[in-house]
N, C-alpha and C. Protein backbone atom coordinates (compact mmCIF):
# COMPACT_ATOMS: atom_id res chain seq x y z
N MET A 1 119.42 81.71 95.88
CA MET A 1 118.25 81.72 96.76
C MET A 1 117.23 80.69 96.27
N ARG A 2 116.73 79.90 97.20
CA ARG A 2 115.75 78.87 96.86
C ARG A 2 114.34 79.47 96.97
N LEU A 3 113.60 79.41 95.86
CA LEU A 3 112.29 80.04 95.79
C LEU A 3 111.18 79.00 95.70
N GLN A 4 110.06 79.32 96.31
CA GLN A 4 108.82 78.58 96.10
C GLN A 4 107.88 79.48 95.31
N LEU A 5 107.23 78.95 94.29
CA LEU A 5 106.41 79.76 93.39
C LEU A 5 104.99 79.23 93.31
N PHE A 6 104.03 80.14 93.48
CA PHE A 6 102.62 79.84 93.21
C PHE A 6 102.10 80.88 92.22
N SER A 7 101.30 80.43 91.28
CA SER A 7 100.67 81.33 90.32
C SER A 7 99.34 80.74 89.87
N ASP A 8 98.39 81.62 89.56
CA ASP A 8 97.10 81.18 89.00
C ASP A 8 96.40 80.14 89.87
N LEU A 9 96.41 80.35 91.17
CA LEU A 9 95.73 79.43 92.07
C LEU A 9 94.21 79.60 92.00
N HIS A 10 93.75 80.79 91.69
CA HIS A 10 92.31 81.07 91.50
C HIS A 10 91.46 80.51 92.64
N PHE A 11 91.79 80.95 93.84
CA PHE A 11 91.04 80.48 95.00
C PHE A 11 89.56 80.87 94.95
N GLU A 12 89.21 81.84 94.10
CA GLU A 12 87.80 82.22 94.00
C GLU A 12 86.94 81.09 93.43
N THR A 13 87.58 80.14 92.75
CA THR A 13 86.83 79.01 92.18
C THR A 13 87.46 77.65 92.50
N GLU A 14 88.74 77.63 92.85
CA GLU A 14 89.46 76.36 93.02
C GLU A 14 89.77 76.10 94.49
N SER A 15 89.97 74.84 94.82
CA SER A 15 90.39 74.45 96.17
C SER A 15 91.82 73.92 96.11
N PHE A 16 92.62 74.39 97.03
CA PHE A 16 94.03 74.01 97.06
C PHE A 16 94.56 74.32 98.44
N ASP A 17 95.39 73.48 98.96
CA ASP A 17 95.95 73.68 100.29
C ASP A 17 97.45 73.93 100.16
N PRO A 18 97.86 75.19 100.07
CA PRO A 18 99.28 75.48 99.89
C PRO A 18 100.08 75.15 101.14
N GLN A 19 101.23 74.55 100.93
CA GLN A 19 102.12 74.19 102.03
C GLN A 19 103.52 74.73 101.75
N PRO A 20 104.24 75.16 102.78
CA PRO A 20 105.61 75.63 102.56
C PRO A 20 106.50 74.54 102.00
N ALA A 21 107.34 74.90 101.06
CA ALA A 21 108.29 73.96 100.48
C ALA A 21 109.52 73.87 101.37
N PRO A 22 109.94 72.67 101.73
CA PRO A 22 111.13 72.52 102.57
C PRO A 22 112.35 73.18 101.91
N GLY A 23 113.05 73.99 102.68
CA GLY A 23 114.27 74.61 102.19
C GLY A 23 114.08 75.91 101.44
N ALA A 24 112.84 76.28 101.14
CA ALA A 24 112.61 77.54 100.42
C ALA A 24 112.95 78.73 101.32
N GLU A 25 113.55 79.76 100.72
CA GLU A 25 113.90 80.97 101.45
C GLU A 25 112.92 82.10 101.20
N LEU A 26 112.09 81.95 100.17
CA LEU A 26 111.17 83.01 99.79
C LEU A 26 110.00 82.39 99.04
N LEU A 27 108.80 82.91 99.27
CA LEU A 27 107.62 82.51 98.50
C LEU A 27 107.27 83.62 97.52
N VAL A 28 107.06 83.25 96.27
CA VAL A 28 106.64 84.20 95.23
C VAL A 28 105.22 83.86 94.81
N LEU A 29 104.33 84.83 94.90
CA LEU A 29 102.96 84.71 94.40
C LEU A 29 102.89 85.53 93.12
N ALA A 30 102.74 84.85 91.99
CA ALA A 30 102.86 85.52 90.69
C ALA A 30 101.52 85.84 90.04
N GLY A 31 100.53 86.20 90.86
CA GLY A 31 99.29 86.73 90.32
C GLY A 31 98.18 85.73 90.12
N ASP A 32 96.95 86.26 90.03
CA ASP A 32 95.73 85.46 89.92
C ASP A 32 95.64 84.46 91.07
N ILE A 33 95.92 84.94 92.27
CA ILE A 33 95.82 84.09 93.45
C ILE A 33 94.37 84.00 93.91
N ASP A 34 93.70 85.15 94.01
CA ASP A 34 92.30 85.16 94.43
C ASP A 34 91.66 86.48 94.01
N ALA A 35 90.64 86.39 93.15
CA ALA A 35 89.97 87.60 92.69
C ALA A 35 89.33 88.38 93.84
N GLY A 36 88.97 87.66 94.91
CA GLY A 36 88.35 88.32 96.05
C GLY A 36 89.33 88.77 97.12
N TRP A 37 90.61 88.39 96.98
CA TRP A 37 91.71 88.77 97.87
C TRP A 37 91.69 88.05 99.22
N THR A 38 90.57 87.47 99.64
CA THR A 38 90.49 86.92 100.99
C THR A 38 91.46 85.76 101.21
N ALA A 39 91.71 84.97 100.16
CA ALA A 39 92.59 83.81 100.31
C ALA A 39 94.04 84.21 100.53
N LEU A 40 94.38 85.47 100.32
CA LEU A 40 95.75 85.91 100.61
C LEU A 40 96.08 85.73 102.08
N GLU A 41 95.04 85.66 102.92
CA GLU A 41 95.27 85.45 104.35
C GLU A 41 95.97 84.12 104.62
N ARG A 42 95.87 83.17 103.69
CA ARG A 42 96.54 81.88 103.86
C ARG A 42 98.06 82.04 103.95
N PHE A 43 98.57 83.15 103.43
CA PHE A 43 100.02 83.35 103.36
C PHE A 43 100.50 84.36 104.40
N ALA A 44 99.60 84.75 105.33
CA ALA A 44 99.93 85.78 106.30
C ALA A 44 101.00 85.34 107.28
N HIS A 45 101.04 84.07 107.61
CA HIS A 45 102.01 83.57 108.60
C HIS A 45 102.94 82.56 107.96
N TRP A 46 103.27 82.77 106.71
CA TRP A 46 104.20 81.88 106.01
C TRP A 46 105.56 81.96 106.68
N PRO A 47 106.28 80.85 106.75
CA PRO A 47 107.55 80.85 107.51
C PRO A 47 108.69 81.62 106.85
N VAL A 48 108.52 82.04 105.59
CA VAL A 48 109.55 82.83 104.91
C VAL A 48 108.88 84.07 104.31
N PRO A 49 109.67 85.08 103.94
CA PRO A 49 109.07 86.27 103.33
C PRO A 49 108.26 85.93 102.08
N VAL A 50 107.25 86.75 101.80
CA VAL A 50 106.36 86.53 100.66
C VAL A 50 106.36 87.77 99.77
N LEU A 51 106.68 87.56 98.49
CA LEU A 51 106.58 88.61 97.48
C LEU A 51 105.42 88.28 96.55
N MET A 52 104.76 89.31 96.05
CA MET A 52 103.62 89.09 95.15
C MET A 52 103.61 90.12 94.04
N VAL A 53 103.24 89.69 92.85
CA VAL A 53 102.79 90.60 91.81
C VAL A 53 101.33 90.25 91.54
N ALA A 54 100.55 91.25 91.19
CA ALA A 54 99.14 91.02 90.92
C ALA A 54 98.96 90.40 89.54
N GLY A 55 97.85 89.70 89.38
CA GLY A 55 97.43 89.24 88.07
C GLY A 55 96.22 90.03 87.61
N ASN A 56 95.75 89.78 86.42
CA ASN A 56 94.59 90.52 85.93
C ASN A 56 93.35 90.25 86.77
N HIS A 57 93.20 89.02 87.29
CA HIS A 57 91.97 88.70 88.01
C HIS A 57 91.94 89.29 89.42
N GLU A 58 93.04 89.80 89.92
CA GLU A 58 92.99 90.55 91.18
C GLU A 58 92.16 91.83 91.02
N PHE A 59 91.87 92.21 89.78
CA PHE A 59 91.14 93.45 89.52
C PHE A 59 89.75 93.21 88.94
N ASP A 60 89.28 91.99 88.98
CA ASP A 60 87.95 91.69 88.44
C ASP A 60 86.89 92.59 89.09
N GLY A 61 86.13 93.29 88.26
CA GLY A 61 85.05 94.13 88.77
C GLY A 61 85.50 95.33 89.56
N ARG A 62 86.76 95.70 89.45
CA ARG A 62 87.30 96.80 90.25
C ARG A 62 87.79 97.95 89.39
N GLU A 63 87.86 99.11 90.02
CA GLU A 63 88.45 100.31 89.43
C GLU A 63 89.93 100.31 89.79
N LEU A 64 90.80 100.24 88.79
CA LEU A 64 92.23 100.09 89.04
C LEU A 64 92.81 101.20 89.90
N ASP A 65 92.37 102.43 89.68
CA ASP A 65 92.92 103.55 90.44
C ASP A 65 92.66 103.40 91.94
N GLN A 66 91.58 102.74 92.29
CA GLN A 66 91.27 102.50 93.70
C GLN A 66 91.81 101.15 94.17
N ALA A 67 91.80 100.18 93.27
CA ALA A 67 92.19 98.82 93.66
C ALA A 67 93.68 98.71 93.98
N TRP A 68 94.52 99.42 93.24
CA TRP A 68 95.96 99.29 93.49
C TRP A 68 96.32 99.66 94.93
N PRO A 69 95.96 100.86 95.42
CA PRO A 69 96.32 101.16 96.81
C PRO A 69 95.63 100.25 97.82
N ALA A 70 94.40 99.82 97.50
CA ALA A 70 93.69 98.92 98.42
C ALA A 70 94.38 97.56 98.50
N LEU A 71 94.80 97.04 97.34
CA LEU A 71 95.50 95.75 97.33
C LEU A 71 96.84 95.86 98.04
N ARG A 72 97.52 96.96 97.82
CA ARG A 72 98.82 97.16 98.48
C ARG A 72 98.65 97.18 100.00
N ALA A 73 97.63 97.90 100.47
CA ALA A 73 97.38 97.98 101.91
C ALA A 73 96.97 96.62 102.47
N HIS A 74 96.15 95.89 101.72
CA HIS A 74 95.71 94.56 102.16
C HIS A 74 96.90 93.62 102.28
N CYS A 75 97.77 93.64 101.29
CA CYS A 75 98.96 92.78 101.34
C CYS A 75 99.87 93.18 102.50
N ALA A 76 100.07 94.47 102.68
CA ALA A 76 100.95 94.94 103.76
C ALA A 76 100.44 94.49 105.12
N ALA A 77 99.12 94.52 105.31
CA ALA A 77 98.54 94.10 106.58
C ALA A 77 98.77 92.62 106.84
N LEU A 78 98.96 91.85 105.77
CA LEU A 78 99.20 90.41 105.89
C LEU A 78 100.69 90.06 105.88
N GLY A 79 101.54 91.08 105.77
CA GLY A 79 102.98 90.83 105.72
C GLY A 79 103.47 90.39 104.36
N ILE A 80 102.68 90.64 103.32
CA ILE A 80 103.06 90.30 101.95
C ILE A 80 103.56 91.55 101.26
N ARG A 81 104.69 91.45 100.58
CA ARG A 81 105.23 92.61 99.86
C ARG A 81 104.76 92.56 98.41
N LEU A 82 103.91 93.52 98.04
CA LEU A 82 103.41 93.62 96.67
C LEU A 82 104.37 94.46 95.84
N LEU A 83 104.78 93.94 94.70
CA LEU A 83 105.66 94.67 93.80
C LEU A 83 104.89 95.05 92.54
N GLU A 84 104.88 96.32 92.21
CA GLU A 84 104.33 96.77 90.93
C GLU A 84 105.22 97.88 90.41
N GLN A 85 105.97 97.55 89.36
CA GLN A 85 106.98 98.45 88.82
C GLN A 85 107.92 98.89 89.94
N GLU A 86 108.37 97.90 90.68
CA GLU A 86 109.28 98.11 91.81
C GLU A 86 110.35 97.03 91.82
N ALA A 87 111.47 97.37 92.43
CA ALA A 87 112.55 96.41 92.63
C ALA A 87 112.89 96.35 94.12
N LEU A 88 113.28 95.17 94.56
CA LEU A 88 113.61 94.94 95.96
C LEU A 88 114.82 94.02 96.01
N ILE A 89 115.79 94.34 96.83
CA ILE A 89 116.98 93.50 96.98
C ILE A 89 116.91 92.76 98.31
N LEU A 90 117.04 91.44 98.24
CA LEU A 90 117.06 90.59 99.43
C LEU A 90 118.35 89.79 99.45
N THR A 91 118.80 89.44 100.63
CA THR A 91 120.03 88.66 100.78
C THR A 91 119.69 87.20 101.04
N ALA A 92 120.25 86.33 100.23
CA ALA A 92 120.00 84.89 100.35
C ALA A 92 120.83 84.30 101.48
N ALA A 93 120.52 83.06 101.81
CA ALA A 93 121.24 82.38 102.89
C ALA A 93 122.73 82.26 102.60
N ASP A 94 123.09 82.19 101.31
CA ASP A 94 124.50 82.06 100.95
C ASP A 94 125.19 83.41 100.81
N GLY A 95 124.49 84.50 101.17
CA GLY A 95 125.08 85.83 101.11
C GLY A 95 124.88 86.56 99.80
N GLN A 96 124.36 85.89 98.79
CA GLN A 96 124.10 86.54 97.51
C GLN A 96 122.99 87.58 97.66
N ARG A 97 123.19 88.72 97.00
CA ARG A 97 122.17 89.77 96.99
C ARG A 97 121.35 89.61 95.70
N VAL A 98 120.06 89.37 95.88
CA VAL A 98 119.18 89.08 94.76
C VAL A 98 118.22 90.24 94.56
N ARG A 99 118.21 90.78 93.35
CA ARG A 99 117.28 91.86 93.01
C ARG A 99 116.01 91.23 92.43
N PHE A 100 114.87 91.51 93.05
CA PHE A 100 113.58 91.06 92.53
C PHE A 100 112.89 92.24 91.87
N VAL A 101 112.51 92.05 90.63
CA VAL A 101 111.89 93.08 89.82
C VAL A 101 110.49 92.61 89.48
N GLY A 102 109.46 93.38 89.86
CA GLY A 102 108.10 92.89 89.71
C GLY A 102 107.14 93.84 89.05
N THR A 103 106.28 93.29 88.20
CA THR A 103 105.19 94.04 87.57
C THR A 103 104.17 93.07 87.00
N VAL A 104 102.90 93.49 86.92
CA VAL A 104 101.88 92.65 86.28
C VAL A 104 102.31 92.29 84.86
N ARG A 105 102.76 93.27 84.14
CA ARG A 105 103.20 93.21 82.75
C ARG A 105 102.06 93.35 81.74
N TRP A 106 100.89 92.85 82.04
CA TRP A 106 99.73 92.91 81.15
C TRP A 106 100.06 92.32 79.77
N SER A 107 99.16 92.48 78.81
CA SER A 107 99.38 91.90 77.47
C SER A 107 99.43 93.00 76.41
N ASP A 108 100.41 92.86 75.52
CA ASP A 108 100.47 93.78 74.37
C ASP A 108 99.83 93.17 73.13
N PHE A 109 99.41 91.90 73.24
CA PHE A 109 98.72 91.18 72.16
C PHE A 109 99.59 90.97 70.92
N ASP A 110 100.90 91.02 71.09
CA ASP A 110 101.82 90.85 69.97
C ASP A 110 102.50 89.48 69.97
N GLY A 111 102.00 88.56 70.78
CA GLY A 111 102.66 87.26 70.89
C GLY A 111 102.73 86.49 69.59
N LEU A 112 101.77 86.71 68.69
CA LEU A 112 101.77 86.03 67.39
C LEU A 112 102.28 86.94 66.28
N GLY A 113 102.85 88.08 66.66
CA GLY A 113 103.36 89.02 65.67
C GLY A 113 102.43 90.22 65.52
N ILE A 114 103.01 91.32 65.06
CA ILE A 114 102.25 92.56 64.94
C ILE A 114 101.07 92.41 63.98
N ALA A 115 101.26 91.65 62.91
CA ALA A 115 100.19 91.49 61.92
C ALA A 115 98.96 90.81 62.52
N GLN A 116 99.16 89.99 63.55
CA GLN A 116 98.05 89.28 64.18
C GLN A 116 97.47 90.02 65.38
N ARG A 117 98.02 91.21 65.67
CA ARG A 117 97.56 91.95 66.85
C ARG A 117 96.05 92.24 66.81
N PRO A 118 95.48 92.73 65.71
CA PRO A 118 94.04 93.01 65.71
C PRO A 118 93.19 91.79 66.04
N ARG A 119 93.56 90.63 65.50
CA ARG A 119 92.81 89.41 65.80
C ARG A 119 92.95 89.04 67.28
N ALA A 120 94.15 89.19 67.82
CA ALA A 120 94.38 88.86 69.23
C ALA A 120 93.57 89.79 70.13
N MET A 121 93.48 91.06 69.76
CA MET A 121 92.74 92.02 70.58
C MET A 121 91.24 91.74 70.50
N ARG A 122 90.77 91.36 69.34
CA ARG A 122 89.34 91.01 69.23
C ARG A 122 89.03 89.77 70.06
N ALA A 123 89.93 88.80 70.04
CA ALA A 123 89.72 87.57 70.80
C ALA A 123 89.68 87.84 72.30
N ALA A 124 90.41 88.85 72.74
CA ALA A 124 90.46 89.18 74.17
C ALA A 124 89.23 89.94 74.64
N GLY A 125 88.50 90.54 73.71
CA GLY A 125 87.40 91.42 74.07
C GLY A 125 86.36 90.79 74.98
N TYR A 126 85.96 89.57 74.66
CA TYR A 126 84.93 88.89 75.45
C TYR A 126 85.38 88.72 76.90
N PHE A 127 86.61 88.27 77.10
CA PHE A 127 87.10 88.01 78.45
C PHE A 127 87.32 89.31 79.23
N LEU A 128 87.70 90.36 78.54
CA LEU A 128 87.86 91.65 79.22
C LEU A 128 86.51 92.20 79.67
N ARG A 129 85.47 91.95 78.89
CA ARG A 129 84.14 92.38 79.33
C ARG A 129 83.70 91.59 80.56
N LEU A 130 84.03 90.30 80.60
CA LEU A 130 83.74 89.50 81.80
C LEU A 130 84.52 90.01 83.00
N MET A 131 85.75 90.41 82.78
CA MET A 131 86.60 90.93 83.85
C MET A 131 85.96 92.15 84.49
N GLY A 132 85.37 93.02 83.69
CA GLY A 132 84.58 94.13 84.21
C GLY A 132 85.37 95.16 84.99
N SER A 133 86.63 95.37 84.64
CA SER A 133 87.46 96.35 85.33
C SER A 133 87.45 97.69 84.61
N THR A 134 87.75 98.74 85.36
CA THR A 134 87.82 100.09 84.78
C THR A 134 89.10 100.77 85.20
N ARG A 135 89.48 101.79 84.46
CA ARG A 135 90.60 102.66 84.82
C ARG A 135 90.14 104.09 84.63
N SER A 136 90.12 104.85 85.71
CA SER A 136 89.61 106.23 85.69
C SER A 136 88.19 106.27 85.12
N GLY A 137 87.39 105.26 85.47
CA GLY A 137 86.01 105.21 85.05
C GLY A 137 85.77 104.66 83.66
N VAL A 138 86.84 104.33 82.94
CA VAL A 138 86.73 103.81 81.58
C VAL A 138 86.92 102.30 81.60
N ALA A 139 86.02 101.58 80.94
CA ALA A 139 86.13 100.12 80.91
C ALA A 139 87.44 99.69 80.27
N ILE A 140 88.11 98.73 80.89
CA ILE A 140 89.37 98.24 80.35
C ILE A 140 89.08 97.31 79.18
N ASP A 141 89.45 97.76 77.99
CA ASP A 141 89.35 96.94 76.80
C ASP A 141 90.76 96.59 76.34
N ALA A 142 90.86 95.96 75.18
CA ALA A 142 92.18 95.52 74.72
C ALA A 142 93.13 96.69 74.48
N GLU A 143 92.61 97.80 73.97
CA GLU A 143 93.47 98.96 73.72
C GLU A 143 94.04 99.51 75.02
N LEU A 144 93.20 99.61 76.03
CA LEU A 144 93.67 100.14 77.31
C LEU A 144 94.63 99.17 77.99
N MET A 145 94.35 97.86 77.87
CA MET A 145 95.28 96.89 78.44
C MET A 145 96.63 96.97 77.74
N ARG A 146 96.62 97.14 76.44
CA ARG A 146 97.89 97.27 75.71
C ARG A 146 98.66 98.50 76.18
N THR A 147 97.95 99.60 76.43
CA THR A 147 98.61 100.80 76.95
C THR A 147 99.28 100.52 78.28
N GLU A 148 98.57 99.81 79.17
CA GLU A 148 99.15 99.44 80.46
C GLU A 148 100.36 98.53 80.26
N ALA A 149 100.25 97.61 79.30
CA ALA A 149 101.34 96.66 79.04
C ALA A 149 102.59 97.36 78.56
N LEU A 150 102.43 98.33 77.68
CA LEU A 150 103.59 99.04 77.14
C LEU A 150 104.27 99.86 78.23
N ALA A 151 103.48 100.42 79.15
CA ALA A 151 104.07 101.17 80.26
C ALA A 151 104.87 100.23 81.17
N CYS A 152 104.32 99.05 81.44
CA CYS A 152 105.05 98.06 82.25
C CYS A 152 106.35 97.65 81.56
N ARG A 153 106.27 97.44 80.26
CA ARG A 153 107.45 97.00 79.53
C ARG A 153 108.53 98.07 79.50
N ARG A 154 108.14 99.33 79.32
CA ARG A 154 109.14 100.41 79.36
C ARG A 154 109.82 100.46 80.71
N TRP A 155 109.02 100.36 81.78
CA TRP A 155 109.62 100.39 83.11
C TRP A 155 110.58 99.22 83.29
N LEU A 156 110.15 98.03 82.87
CA LEU A 156 110.97 96.84 83.05
C LEU A 156 112.28 96.95 82.27
N GLU A 157 112.21 97.44 81.05
CA GLU A 157 113.43 97.62 80.25
C GLU A 157 114.38 98.60 80.94
N ASP A 158 113.83 99.70 81.44
CA ASP A 158 114.67 100.70 82.13
C ASP A 158 115.31 100.10 83.38
N GLU A 159 114.53 99.35 84.14
CA GLU A 159 115.05 98.77 85.38
C GLU A 159 116.14 97.74 85.09
N LEU A 160 115.95 96.93 84.07
CA LEU A 160 116.94 95.90 83.75
C LEU A 160 118.21 96.49 83.16
N HIS A 161 118.13 97.71 82.64
CA HIS A 161 119.32 98.38 82.12
C HIS A 161 119.95 99.33 83.14
N ARG A 162 119.39 99.37 84.34
CA ARG A 162 119.95 100.25 85.37
C ARG A 162 121.33 99.75 85.76
N PRO A 163 122.32 100.64 85.81
CA PRO A 163 123.67 100.20 86.16
C PRO A 163 123.71 99.57 87.55
N ASN A 164 124.48 98.51 87.66
CA ASN A 164 124.64 97.80 88.93
C ASN A 164 125.97 98.23 89.55
N PRO A 165 125.91 98.91 90.70
CA PRO A 165 127.17 99.34 91.33
C PRO A 165 127.94 98.21 91.98
N GLY A 166 127.37 97.01 92.00
CA GLY A 166 128.02 95.89 92.65
C GLY A 166 127.46 95.66 94.04
N ALA A 167 127.45 94.41 94.45
CA ALA A 167 126.83 94.05 95.73
C ALA A 167 127.45 94.80 96.90
N ALA A 168 128.74 95.01 96.86
CA ALA A 168 129.42 95.68 97.97
C ALA A 168 129.02 97.13 98.10
N ALA A 169 128.51 97.71 97.01
CA ALA A 169 128.11 99.12 97.01
C ALA A 169 126.59 99.28 97.00
N GLY A 170 125.88 98.27 97.48
CA GLY A 170 124.43 98.34 97.54
C GLY A 170 123.73 97.79 96.32
N GLY A 171 124.49 97.17 95.41
CA GLY A 171 123.91 96.59 94.20
C GLY A 171 123.48 95.15 94.43
N TRP A 172 123.58 94.34 93.39
CA TRP A 172 123.06 92.98 93.46
C TRP A 172 123.96 92.01 92.70
N ASP A 173 123.85 90.75 93.06
CA ASP A 173 124.61 89.69 92.39
C ASP A 173 123.83 89.08 91.23
N THR A 174 122.52 89.02 91.37
CA THR A 174 121.68 88.42 90.33
C THR A 174 120.30 89.05 90.38
N THR A 175 119.53 88.85 89.30
CA THR A 175 118.20 89.45 89.19
C THR A 175 117.16 88.38 88.89
N VAL A 176 116.02 88.49 89.55
CA VAL A 176 114.85 87.64 89.28
C VAL A 176 113.70 88.55 88.87
N VAL A 177 113.14 88.32 87.69
CA VAL A 177 112.00 89.10 87.22
C VAL A 177 110.72 88.32 87.50
N ILE A 178 109.77 88.98 88.16
CA ILE A 178 108.47 88.37 88.47
C ILE A 178 107.40 89.13 87.71
N THR A 179 106.69 88.44 86.82
CA THR A 179 105.55 89.04 86.12
C THR A 179 104.41 88.03 86.11
N HIS A 180 103.20 88.54 85.95
CA HIS A 180 102.07 87.61 85.79
C HIS A 180 101.93 87.19 84.33
N PHE A 181 101.95 88.16 83.44
CA PHE A 181 101.87 87.85 82.01
C PHE A 181 103.25 87.40 81.53
N ALA A 182 103.25 86.39 80.70
CA ALA A 182 104.49 85.74 80.28
C ALA A 182 105.28 86.61 79.28
N PRO A 183 106.59 86.40 79.18
CA PRO A 183 107.40 87.16 78.22
C PRO A 183 107.27 86.67 76.78
N SER A 184 106.74 85.47 76.58
CA SER A 184 106.54 84.96 75.22
C SER A 184 105.57 83.79 75.27
N LEU A 185 105.11 83.36 74.09
CA LEU A 185 104.20 82.22 74.03
C LEU A 185 104.88 80.90 74.38
N LYS A 186 106.20 80.91 74.53
CA LYS A 186 106.89 79.70 74.97
C LYS A 186 106.44 79.28 76.37
N SER A 187 105.89 80.23 77.11
CA SER A 187 105.42 79.94 78.47
C SER A 187 103.95 79.54 78.50
N ALA A 188 103.26 79.60 77.37
CA ALA A 188 101.83 79.30 77.34
C ALA A 188 101.58 77.79 77.41
N ASP A 189 100.46 77.42 78.00
CA ASP A 189 100.08 76.02 78.06
C ASP A 189 99.89 75.50 76.63
N PRO A 190 100.61 74.44 76.25
CA PRO A 190 100.51 73.93 74.87
C PRO A 190 99.11 73.46 74.49
N ARG A 191 98.25 73.22 75.47
CA ARG A 191 96.88 72.81 75.16
C ARG A 191 96.12 73.89 74.40
N PHE A 192 96.51 75.15 74.59
CA PHE A 192 95.80 76.25 73.95
C PHE A 192 96.24 76.47 72.51
N GLY A 193 97.45 76.04 72.19
CA GLY A 193 97.93 76.19 70.81
C GLY A 193 98.22 77.64 70.44
N ARG A 194 98.66 77.83 69.21
CA ARG A 194 98.99 79.18 68.72
C ARG A 194 97.75 79.77 68.04
N GLN A 195 96.86 80.28 68.86
CA GLN A 195 95.64 80.90 68.37
C GLN A 195 95.57 82.33 68.90
N PRO A 196 94.74 83.19 68.30
CA PRO A 196 94.71 84.60 68.71
C PRO A 196 94.49 84.80 70.20
N GLY A 197 93.60 84.02 70.81
CA GLY A 197 93.33 84.20 72.22
C GLY A 197 94.52 83.93 73.11
N THR A 198 95.42 83.05 72.66
CA THR A 198 96.60 82.72 73.47
C THR A 198 97.54 83.90 73.61
N ALA A 199 97.52 84.81 72.64
CA ALA A 199 98.38 85.99 72.72
C ALA A 199 98.04 86.87 73.92
N SER A 200 96.83 86.70 74.47
CA SER A 200 96.43 87.48 75.65
C SER A 200 97.24 87.12 76.89
N PHE A 201 97.94 85.98 76.85
CA PHE A 201 98.66 85.51 78.02
C PHE A 201 100.06 86.10 78.15
N CYS A 202 100.52 86.83 77.15
CA CYS A 202 101.92 87.27 77.20
C CYS A 202 102.08 88.72 76.77
N ASN A 203 103.26 89.24 77.04
CA ASN A 203 103.67 90.58 76.61
C ASN A 203 104.98 90.38 75.87
N ALA A 204 104.90 90.40 74.55
CA ALA A 204 106.07 90.07 73.74
C ALA A 204 107.10 91.17 73.72
């Protein structure tokens, strides 16, 4: 399946004119598209199906318990399929059944190793305060984000180990994992280097 991918567009501050990629069968929005959500309307009439996972900035200034169902409803109204700890099987033009597995993933702050976790969590504190999000009325700090990250990781591990009955029996031929937070610092922008704050970008 030929995919088009957008991530970290940050329409709340940036200008960009997204255009469909010739030959793409699916558009993937991998989070931090627009903190205000309004720019998601740009993808409402995309010529191919649209899958999305949320990024951390989709929740800026929001209560997660309320924001999740609101974001899901907003995406559904635009024809965008939001995945959070969910899997979806789609059939490609060549007949292959592709399983898409999606979650924010969040950060466990272990990208530089467990010994560096406290420094990474302290480095994230300032940005989490700017984010201004809450969960059940409690401000999201590094500890709470790590808790969310570990839950995402457990779900992802379980889903990836789920037995595949085979495409003919409703299974899949291949799997694509969509997350906003990276699986390792190998995906981090090299401009940031291996510093404590960079560990906030991944879930090791």
